[in-house]
Amino acid sequence: QVQLVESGGGLVQAGGSLRLSCAASGRIFNRNVMGWFRQAPGKEREFVAAIRWTISSTYYTDSVKGRFTISRDNAKNTVYLQMNSLKPEDTAVYYCALAKGYYSVGYPTRRNEYDNWGQGTQVTVSS
């Protein structure tokens, strides 16, 4: 069983930055994609970014392109989400997740394509 633990959330003013971390422990077999999702109050959980860590290839939802960067440190089994130019609409609980299976092409963006989730970390952006 894989365990994912997020950290790095907090309160920041609009235009500021935060870096989220997701530390993975346990055996990860035949999987290669980690993703970040977020869920704002009263809204569904939505895809933010994903990384195929074997080749460090990344994919983003349109609303965060150019502002967020997903990266990984394989030696630390940790995935990061660097968030710059934050906006109030980025306020949400952010979750990291491990995708099912192995992806040679494309990226999973739907919630049901992931089956291991962290507990979430709150990000609040004030205007």
Foldseek 3Di string as FASTA:
>chain_A
DKAKAKDWADEEAAQAKIKMKIFIDDDDPQFFKKFKWWDDPPGDIWTAKMARQVVRDIDGDPVQPPFWDWGDDVVRNMIMIIGGRDDQVVWTWMKMFTFPHYDPDDDDTDPVRTDYIYPTDTHGYHD
